[in-house]
Amino acid sequence: MFDTGPGFAFNMGPGVRVHQFGGGRPRARPQNAANNEPPPTGLRALQSLLPLLLLIVFPLLSSLFSGTGSATGPSVRFDSPMAPQTQQRISNPLKIHYWVDPAQVKEYGARDWRSLDKRAEAKYVNQLNYECEIEHDRRNKLVNNAQGFFFTDEAMMNRARQMEMRSCRRLNELGYRGV
């Protein structure tokens, strides 16, 4: 296919026409006598479409069988109990208070509780980390606003330095770097 010179890009098989600019009528590319290809069959057409089918069908099948059921476990709440999360729990080792739906955990054993504690702690630390980033952004915005072109607003700069950063402080207390 690629050994016929610069015209290989137009040698796509039987029935492909090459048009020329500059007048005259379009003509069909002359058939090469050495090109004894059999006519396309249904199997050959399927083989040519197979990569495209794999790109479309494989992701669909994997999403169907991935299973997005109750494998993630019950939802947890950290700030206060609110129906249906009314059963309080304290995780180990970080001693994080959280609440779960008692109906979702009534069959839980010790192993399930340990797994849920780990998941709740990870979720809590991620939430604190996100809130800490927001606090850093607010502080940086105050610092940037305090720094003027000709002078610095000391009152605003002091307010930025003294800004309470609860989530970052809590991360530090838990042993994570927050500030």
Protein backbone atom coordinates (compact mmCIF):
# COMPACT_ATOMS: atom_id res chain seq x y z
CA MET A 1 0.00 0.00 0.00
CA PHE A 2 2.81 2.47 0.86
CA ASP A 3 5.31 1.41 -1.80
CA THR A 4 3.63 3.07 -4.80
CA GLY A 5 5.12 6.53 -4.37
CA PRO A 6 3.59 9.79 -3.26
CA GLY A 7 0.16 8.79 -4.47
CA PHE A 8 -0.17 6.15 -1.74
CA ALA A 9 -2.48 8.43 0.20
CA PHE A 10 -5.06 8.11 -2.55
CA ASN A 11 -4.68 4.38 -3.08
CA MET A 12 -7.46 3.40 -0.72
CA GLY A 13 -8.86 0.55 -2.71
CA PRO A 14 -11.32 -0.01 -5.50
CA GLY A 15 -13.90 2.62 -6.21
CA VAL A 16 -11.94 5.57 -4.77
CA ARG A 17 -11.76 8.43 -7.25
CA VAL A 18 -9.04 11.05 -7.36
CA HIS A 19 -10.09 14.47 -8.56
CA GLN A 20 -7.68 16.88 -10.16
CA PHE A 21 -7.90 20.64 -10.15
CA GLY A 22 -7.44 22.73 -13.23
CA GLY A 23 -10.14 21.62 -15.58
CA GLY A 24 -10.97 18.51 -17.39
CA ARG A 25 -13.23 15.91 -16.05
CA PRO A 26 -12.36 13.74 -13.08
CA ARG A 27 -10.99 10.38 -13.99
CA ALA A 28 -10.75 7.14 -12.10
CA ARG A 29 -7.36 5.96 -10.96
CA PRO A 30 -6.16 3.25 -13.27
CA GLN A 31 -6.24 -0.20 -11.74
CA ASN A 32 -2.91 -1.80 -11.12
CA ALA A 33 -2.63 -5.17 -12.77
CA ALA A 34 -0.61 -6.52 -9.84
CA ASN A 35 -3.37 -5.52 -7.43
CA ASN A 36 -5.44 -8.69 -7.26
CA GLU A 37 -7.37 -7.97 -4.08
CA PRO A 38 -10.51 -9.96 -3.49
CA PRO A 39 -13.74 -8.00 -3.24
CA PRO A 40 -14.60 -6.88 0.31
CA THR A 41 -16.64 -9.33 2.35
CA GLY A 42 -18.70 -8.94 5.49
CA LEU A 43 -15.93 -10.44 7.59
CA ARG A 44 -13.36 -8.02 6.17
CA ALA A 45 -15.68 -5.08 6.90
CA LEU A 46 -16.12 -6.32 10.48
CA GLN A 47 -12.36 -6.65 10.88
CA SER A 48 -11.86 -3.07 9.77
CA LEU A 49 -14.49 -1.84 12.27
CA LEU A 50 -13.20 -3.97 15.16
CA PRO A 51 -10.89 -1.30 16.68
CA LEU A 52 -13.73 1.21 16.66
CA LEU A 53 -16.11 -1.28 18.22
CA LEU A 54 -13.60 -2.05 20.97
CA LEU A 55 -13.22 1.65 21.75
CA ILE A 56 -16.97 2.03 22.15
CA VAL A 57 -18.14 -1.30 23.56
CA PHE A 58 -15.36 -2.03 26.09
CA PRO A 59 -15.91 1.15 28.19
CA LEU A 60 -19.65 0.55 28.17
CA LEU A 61 -19.25 -3.02 29.40
CA SER A 62 -16.74 -2.06 32.08
CA SER A 63 -19.06 0.65 33.40
CA LEU A 64 -21.93 -1.83 33.56
CA PHE A 65 -19.94 -4.35 35.57
CA SER A 66 -18.08 -1.89 37.81
CA GLY A 67 -20.78 -2.07 40.45
CA THR A 68 -21.75 1.19 42.07
CA GLY A 69 -23.91 -0.34 44.76
CA SER A 70 -23.46 -0.38 48.51
CA ALA A 71 -19.76 -1.27 48.23
CA THR A 72 -18.87 2.21 49.45
CA GLY A 73 -20.66 1.68 52.74
CA PRO A 74 -22.99 3.92 54.69
CA SER A 75 -22.75 7.69 54.50
CA VAL A 76 -21.20 9.50 57.44
CA ARG A 77 -21.84 12.92 58.96
CA PHE A 78 -19.33 14.90 61.03
CA ASP A 79 -20.84 18.13 62.37
CA SER A 80 -23.98 16.93 64.16
CA PRO A 81 -26.57 14.16 64.02
CA MET A 82 -29.32 14.61 61.48
CA ALA A 83 -31.82 11.99 60.36
CA PRO A 84 -31.06 9.35 59.23
CA GLN A 85 -27.47 9.60 60.56
CA THR A 86 -28.26 9.47 64.28
CA GLN A 87 -25.93 6.79 65.67
CA GLN A 88 -22.75 8.36 67.03
CA ARG A 89 -19.39 6.71 66.54
CA ILE A 90 -15.83 7.63 67.55
CA SER A 91 -13.10 6.41 65.24
CA ASN A 92 -9.75 4.91 66.17
CA PRO A 93 -6.97 6.11 66.30
CA LEU A 94 -7.83 9.77 65.50
CA LYS A 95 -10.92 9.90 67.78
CA ILE A 96 -13.11 11.56 65.14
CA HIS A 97 -16.78 11.88 66.14
CA TYR A 98 -19.16 10.96 63.35
CA TRP A 99 -22.73 9.79 62.88
CA VAL A 100 -24.18 7.00 60.71
CA ASP A 101 -27.59 5.62 59.84
CA PRO A 102 -28.30 2.79 62.34
CA ALA A 103 -30.32 0.88 59.73
CA GLN A 104 -27.27 0.70 57.45
CA VAL A 105 -24.89 -0.60 60.13
CA LYS A 106 -27.08 -2.97 62.16
CA GLU A 107 -25.29 -6.05 60.73
CA TYR A 108 -21.76 -4.63 61.21
CA GLY A 109 -19.08 -6.65 62.96
CA ALA A 110 -15.73 -5.51 64.38
CA ARG A 111 -14.00 -5.72 60.99
CA ASP A 112 -16.72 -3.66 59.29
CA TRP A 113 -16.51 -1.00 62.01
CA ARG A 114 -12.71 -0.74 61.60
CA SER A 115 -13.13 -0.32 57.86
CA LEU A 116 -15.83 2.32 58.36
CA ASP A 117 -13.65 4.16 60.89
CA LYS A 118 -10.78 4.30 58.40
CA ARG A 119 -13.07 5.55 55.65
CA ALA A 120 -14.62 8.17 57.95
CA GLU A 121 -11.18 9.39 59.07
CA ALA A 122 -9.98 9.64 55.47
CA LYS A 123 -13.10 11.56 54.49
CA TYR A 124 -12.74 13.87 57.49
CA VAL A 125 -9.08 14.61 56.77
CA ASN A 126 -9.89 15.26 53.08
CA GLN A 127 -12.67 17.62 54.09
CA LEU A 128 -10.36 19.47 56.50
CA ASN A 129 -7.66 19.66 53.85
CA TYR A 130 -10.11 21.21 51.38
CA GLU A 131 -11.31 23.75 53.97
CA CYS A 132 -7.69 24.54 54.91
CA GLU A 133 -6.91 25.30 51.26
CA ILE A 134 -9.86 27.71 51.20
CA GLU A 135 -8.57 29.38 54.37
CA HIS A 136 -5.11 29.76 52.81
CA ASP A 137 -6.67 31.30 49.69
CA ARG A 138 -8.64 33.80 51.80
CA ARG A 139 -5.52 34.74 53.76
CA ASN A 140 -3.47 35.15 50.58
CA LYS A 141 -6.19 37.31 49.06
CA LEU A 142 -6.16 39.56 52.15
CA VAL A 143 -2.36 39.81 52.00
CA ASN A 144 -2.47 40.68 48.30
CA ASN A 145 -5.15 43.30 48.89
CA ALA A 146 -3.13 44.78 51.76
CA GLN A 147 -0.07 45.24 49.57
CA GLY A 148 -0.67 48.33 47.52
CA PHE A 149 1.44 49.81 44.76
CA PHE A 150 2.79 52.66 46.89
CA PHE A 151 2.10 51.54 50.47
CA THR A 152 0.94 48.56 52.53
CA ASP A 153 -2.28 48.68 54.52
CA GLU A 154 -0.94 47.54 57.91
CA ALA A 155 -4.40 47.07 59.45
CA MET A 156 -5.46 44.71 56.67
CA MET A 157 -2.07 42.94 56.81
CA ASN A 158 -2.46 42.38 60.57
CA ARG A 159 -5.98 41.08 60.02
CA ALA A 160 -4.60 38.61 57.45
CA ARG A 161 -1.86 37.45 59.83
CA GLN A 162 -4.31 37.01 62.71
CA MET A 163 -6.99 35.32 60.63
CA GLU A 164 -8.32 32.22 62.37
CA MET A 165 -7.68 29.10 60.35
CA ARG A 166 -9.68 26.42 62.17
CA SER A 167 -9.38 23.63 59.62
CA CYS A 168 -5.61 24.06 59.25
CA ARG A 169 -5.20 24.09 63.03
CA ARG A 170 -7.34 20.94 63.35
CA LEU A 171 -5.21 19.21 60.70
CA ASN A 172 -2.11 20.09 62.70
CA GLU A 173 -3.70 18.68 65.86
CA LEU A 174 -4.37 15.42 64.03
CA GLY A 175 -0.75 15.22 62.91
CA TYR A 176 -1.22 16.43 59.36
CA ARG A 177 0.45 19.49 57.88
CA GLY A 178 -2.19 22.20 57.60
CA VAL A 179 -0.39 25.51 58.06
